[in-house]
Amino acid sequence: RRAMASLEKAGEAVRITKELGFSTEALSQFEQAVRTRLADGASASAAELRDAMGTTRKYAIPLLEYFDDKGITRRSGDERVLTGR
């Protein structure tokens, strides 16, 4: 926990849930993968975005919820779309 706090303070990591965090570089790559998949007004399911991010459901769902909370994406039923931010 101390290590994560130090990384967060240094701007090198972001905690997205109480127990899960990513380096800022990895988080940026996940976000870019989602933005690319949802470009031009497309929508996608969590499974499609999981595949686009190249991760497992264990990490994809918390990441997608984080992006929803940050206003990057918006969940609409079983699909997600970009919000324009």
N, C-alpha and C. Protein backbone atom coordinates (compact mmCIF):
# COMPACT_ATOMS: atom_id res chain seq x y z
N ARG A 1 0.83 -1.20 0.00
CA ARG A 1 0.00 0.00 0.00
C ARG A 1 0.87 1.26 0.00
N ARG A 2 1.96 1.20 0.74
CA ARG A 2 2.85 2.36 0.76
C ARG A 2 3.48 2.60 -0.61
N ALA A 3 3.86 1.49 -1.25
CA ALA A 3 4.47 1.62 -2.58
C ALA A 3 3.48 2.26 -3.55
N MET A 4 2.24 1.82 -3.51
CA MET A 4 1.22 2.38 -4.40
C MET A 4 1.00 3.84 -4.09
N ALA A 5 0.96 4.19 -2.81
CA ALA A 5 0.78 5.59 -2.42
C ALA A 5 1.93 6.44 -2.94
N SER A 6 3.13 5.92 -2.86
CA SER A 6 4.30 6.65 -3.36
C SER A 6 4.22 6.84 -4.87
N LEU A 7 3.83 5.78 -5.57
CA LEU A 7 3.71 5.86 -7.03
C LEU A 7 2.62 6.85 -7.43
N GLU A 8 1.51 6.84 -6.69
CA GLU A 8 0.43 7.79 -6.97
C GLU A 8 0.90 9.23 -6.74
N LYS A 9 1.59 9.43 -5.63
CA LYS A 9 2.07 10.76 -5.29
C LYS A 9 3.04 11.28 -6.34
N ALA A 10 3.84 10.38 -6.90
CA ALA A 10 4.82 10.75 -7.93
C ALA A 10 4.18 10.87 -9.32
N GLY A 11 2.89 10.54 -9.42
CA GLY A 11 2.20 10.63 -10.70
C GLY A 11 2.53 9.49 -11.63
N GLU A 12 3.03 8.39 -11.09
CA GLU A 12 3.43 7.26 -11.91
C GLU A 12 2.38 6.15 -11.94
N ALA A 13 1.38 6.23 -11.08
CA ALA A 13 0.34 5.20 -11.03
C ALA A 13 -0.98 5.84 -10.63
N VAL A 14 -2.05 5.13 -10.97
CA VAL A 14 -3.41 5.58 -10.63
C VAL A 14 -4.15 4.39 -10.06
N ARG A 15 -4.73 4.58 -8.91
CA ARG A 15 -5.57 3.55 -8.29
C ARG A 15 -6.97 3.72 -8.87
N ILE A 16 -7.50 2.64 -9.44
CA ILE A 16 -8.84 2.74 -10.04
C ILE A 16 -9.91 2.09 -9.17
N THR A 17 -9.51 1.23 -8.26
CA THR A 17 -10.41 0.69 -7.24
C THR A 17 -9.60 0.64 -5.95
N LYS A 18 -10.25 0.23 -4.90
CA LYS A 18 -9.56 0.14 -3.60
C LYS A 18 -8.34 -0.77 -3.68
N GLU A 19 -8.42 -1.81 -4.48
CA GLU A 19 -7.35 -2.79 -4.53
C GLU A 19 -6.66 -2.92 -5.89
N LEU A 20 -6.96 -2.05 -6.84
CA LEU A 20 -6.41 -2.20 -8.17
C LEU A 20 -5.90 -0.87 -8.70
N GLY A 21 -4.68 -0.89 -9.18
CA GLY A 21 -4.10 0.31 -9.77
C GLY A 21 -3.24 -0.06 -10.96
N PHE A 22 -2.97 0.93 -11.80
CA PHE A 22 -2.15 0.73 -12.99
C PHE A 22 -1.15 1.86 -13.11
N SER A 23 -0.06 1.59 -13.81
CA SER A 23 0.87 2.67 -14.12
C SER A 23 0.14 3.65 -15.01
N THR A 24 0.54 4.90 -14.97
CA THR A 24 -0.12 5.91 -15.81
C THR A 24 0.06 5.56 -17.29
N GLU A 25 1.19 4.96 -17.64
CA GLU A 25 1.43 4.57 -19.03
C GLU A 25 0.46 3.48 -19.46
N ALA A 26 0.29 2.45 -18.63
CA ALA A 26 -0.64 1.37 -18.96
C ALA A 26 -2.07 1.89 -19.04
N LEU A 27 -2.45 2.72 -18.10
CA LEU A 27 -3.80 3.29 -18.09
C LEU A 27 -4.05 4.10 -19.36
N SER A 28 -3.05 4.85 -19.78
CA SER A 28 -3.15 5.63 -21.01
C SER A 28 -3.33 4.72 -22.22
N GLN A 29 -2.62 3.61 -22.25
CA GLN A 29 -2.74 2.66 -23.36
C GLN A 29 -4.11 2.02 -23.38
N PHE A 30 -4.64 1.66 -22.21
CA PHE A 30 -5.99 1.10 -22.14
C PHE A 30 -7.01 2.12 -22.64
N GLU A 31 -6.85 3.37 -22.19
CA GLU A 31 -7.78 4.42 -22.63
C GLU A 31 -7.72 4.61 -24.13
N GLN A 32 -6.52 4.63 -24.69
CA GLN A 32 -6.38 4.82 -26.14
C GLN A 32 -7.01 3.67 -26.91
N ALA A 33 -6.88 2.45 -26.40
CA ALA A 33 -7.50 1.30 -27.06
C ALA A 33 -9.02 1.45 -27.07
N VAL A 34 -9.59 1.91 -25.97
CA VAL A 34 -11.04 2.13 -25.88
C VAL A 34 -11.45 3.26 -26.82
N ARG A 35 -10.72 4.36 -26.82
CA ARG A 35 -11.05 5.48 -27.71
C ARG A 35 -11.00 5.05 -29.18
N THR A 36 -9.99 4.27 -29.53
CA THR A 36 -9.86 3.80 -30.91
C THR A 36 -11.03 2.91 -31.29
N ARG A 37 -11.40 1.99 -30.40
CA ARG A 37 -12.51 1.07 -30.68
C ARG A 37 -13.84 1.80 -30.79
N LEU A 38 -14.00 2.87 -30.03
CA LEU A 38 -15.26 3.60 -30.02
C LEU A 38 -15.25 4.84 -30.92
N ALA A 39 -14.26 4.95 -31.76
CA ALA A 39 -14.14 6.12 -32.65
C ALA A 39 -15.34 6.21 -33.59
N ASP A 40 -15.60 7.41 -34.04
CA ASP A 40 -16.66 7.69 -35.01
C ASP A 40 -18.04 7.31 -34.52
N GLY A 41 -18.29 7.43 -33.21
CA GLY A 41 -19.61 7.21 -32.68
C GLY A 41 -20.00 5.76 -32.50
N ALA A 42 -19.04 4.85 -32.66
CA ALA A 42 -19.34 3.43 -32.49
C ALA A 42 -19.66 3.13 -31.03
N SER A 43 -20.36 2.04 -30.81
CA SER A 43 -20.58 1.53 -29.46
C SER A 43 -20.00 0.13 -29.41
N ALA A 44 -19.73 -0.35 -28.20
CA ALA A 44 -19.15 -1.68 -28.06
C ALA A 44 -19.52 -2.26 -26.70
N SER A 45 -19.58 -3.57 -26.66
CA SER A 45 -19.86 -4.27 -25.41
C SER A 45 -18.59 -4.33 -24.57
N ALA A 46 -18.76 -4.70 -23.31
CA ALA A 46 -17.60 -4.85 -22.43
C ALA A 46 -16.66 -5.90 -22.99
N ALA A 47 -17.19 -6.97 -23.54
CA ALA A 47 -16.34 -8.03 -24.10
C ALA A 47 -15.53 -7.51 -25.28
N GLU A 48 -16.16 -6.71 -26.13
CA GLU A 48 -15.43 -6.14 -27.28
C GLU A 48 -14.34 -5.18 -26.81
N LEU A 49 -14.64 -4.40 -25.79
CA LEU A 49 -13.64 -3.47 -25.27
C LEU A 49 -12.53 -4.20 -24.52
N ARG A 50 -12.90 -5.28 -23.84
CA ARG A 50 -11.89 -6.12 -23.19
C ARG A 50 -10.90 -6.63 -24.22
N ASP A 51 -11.42 -7.11 -25.34
CA ASP A 51 -10.55 -7.61 -26.41
C ASP A 51 -9.69 -6.49 -26.99
N ALA A 52 -10.29 -5.32 -27.16
CA ALA A 52 -9.54 -4.18 -27.70
C ALA A 52 -8.40 -3.77 -26.77
N MET A 53 -8.64 -3.87 -25.45
CA MET A 53 -7.60 -3.53 -24.48
C MET A 53 -6.59 -4.65 -24.30
N GLY A 54 -6.93 -5.86 -24.75
CA GLY A 54 -6.03 -6.98 -24.63
C GLY A 54 -5.84 -7.45 -23.20
N THR A 55 -6.92 -7.45 -22.44
CA THR A 55 -6.85 -7.85 -21.04
C THR A 55 -7.96 -8.84 -20.73
N THR A 56 -8.08 -9.21 -19.49
CA THR A 56 -9.13 -10.15 -19.07
C THR A 56 -10.29 -9.38 -18.47
N ARG A 57 -11.41 -10.06 -18.29
CA ARG A 57 -12.60 -9.45 -17.70
C ARG A 57 -12.30 -8.92 -16.29
N LYS A 58 -11.43 -9.63 -15.56
CA LYS A 58 -11.07 -9.22 -14.20
C LYS A 58 -10.57 -7.77 -14.16
N TYR A 59 -9.84 -7.38 -15.18
CA TYR A 59 -9.30 -6.02 -15.23
C TYR A 59 -10.15 -5.09 -16.11
N ALA A 60 -10.77 -5.65 -17.14
CA ALA A 60 -11.53 -4.81 -18.07
C ALA A 60 -12.72 -4.12 -17.41
N ILE A 61 -13.47 -4.85 -16.60
CA ILE A 61 -14.67 -4.25 -15.99
C ILE A 61 -14.30 -3.08 -15.07
N PRO A 62 -13.33 -3.23 -14.16
CA PRO A 62 -12.95 -2.07 -13.34
C PRO A 62 -12.41 -0.91 -14.18
N LEU A 63 -11.67 -1.23 -15.24
CA LEU A 63 -11.17 -0.17 -16.13
C LEU A 63 -12.33 0.56 -16.79
N LEU A 64 -13.30 -0.17 -17.30
CA LEU A 64 -14.44 0.46 -17.96
C LEU A 64 -15.26 1.29 -16.98
N GLU A 65 -15.43 0.80 -15.77
CA GLU A 65 -16.14 1.58 -14.75
C GLU A 65 -15.37 2.85 -14.40
N TYR A 66 -14.06 2.76 -14.35
CA TYR A 66 -13.21 3.93 -14.11
C TYR A 66 -13.39 4.95 -15.24
N PHE A 67 -13.36 4.48 -16.49
CA PHE A 67 -13.55 5.39 -17.63
C PHE A 67 -14.95 6.02 -17.60
N ASP A 68 -15.96 5.26 -17.18
CA ASP A 68 -17.31 5.81 -17.03
C ASP A 68 -17.31 6.91 -15.96
N ASP A 69 -16.69 6.62 -14.82
CA ASP A 69 -16.63 7.60 -13.72
C ASP A 69 -15.90 8.87 -14.12
N LYS A 70 -14.88 8.75 -14.95
CA LYS A 70 -14.09 9.90 -15.39
C LYS A 70 -14.76 10.65 -16.55
N GLY A 71 -15.87 10.11 -17.05
CA GLY A 71 -16.58 10.78 -18.13
C GLY A 71 -15.97 10.54 -19.50
N ILE A 72 -15.12 9.55 -19.62
CA ILE A 72 -14.52 9.22 -20.91
C ILE A 72 -15.51 8.41 -21.74
N THR A 73 -16.17 7.47 -21.07
CA THR A 73 -17.19 6.65 -21.71
C THR A 73 -18.49 6.76 -20.92
N ARG A 74 -19.55 6.29 -21.57
CA ARG A 74 -20.85 6.24 -20.90
C ARG A 74 -21.47 4.90 -21.24
N ARG A 75 -21.97 4.24 -20.21
CA ARG A 75 -22.64 2.96 -20.41
C ARG A 75 -24.08 3.21 -20.80
N SER A 76 -24.51 2.54 -21.85
CA SER A 76 -25.88 2.61 -22.32
C SER A 76 -26.36 1.18 -22.53
N GLY A 77 -27.07 0.65 -21.56
CA GLY A 77 -27.46 -0.77 -21.61
C GLY A 77 -26.22 -1.64 -21.46
N ASP A 78 -26.01 -2.51 -22.43
CA ASP A 78 -24.85 -3.38 -22.40
C ASP A 78 -23.69 -2.84 -23.24
N GLU A 79 -23.84 -1.64 -23.76
CA GLU A 79 -22.83 -1.04 -24.63
C GLU A 79 -22.23 0.20 -23.99
N ARG A 80 -21.08 0.57 -24.49
CA ARG A 80 -20.45 1.82 -24.05
C ARG A 80 -20.15 2.67 -25.27
N VAL A 81 -20.21 3.99 -25.08
CA VAL A 81 -19.90 4.96 -26.12
C VAL A 81 -18.98 6.02 -25.52
N LEU A 82 -18.25 6.71 -26.40
CA LEU A 82 -17.43 7.84 -25.94
C LEU A 82 -18.34 9.00 -25.60
N THR A 83 -17.92 9.79 -24.63
CA THR A 83 -18.72 10.95 -24.24
C THR A 83 -18.29 12.22 -24.96
N GLY A 84 -17.15 12.18 -25.61
CA GLY A 84 -16.66 13.37 -26.30
C GLY A 84 -15.56 14.07 -25.54
N ARG A 85 -15.21 13.58 -24.37
CA ARG A 85 -14.12 14.19 -23.61
C ARG A 85 -12.79 13.67 -24.05
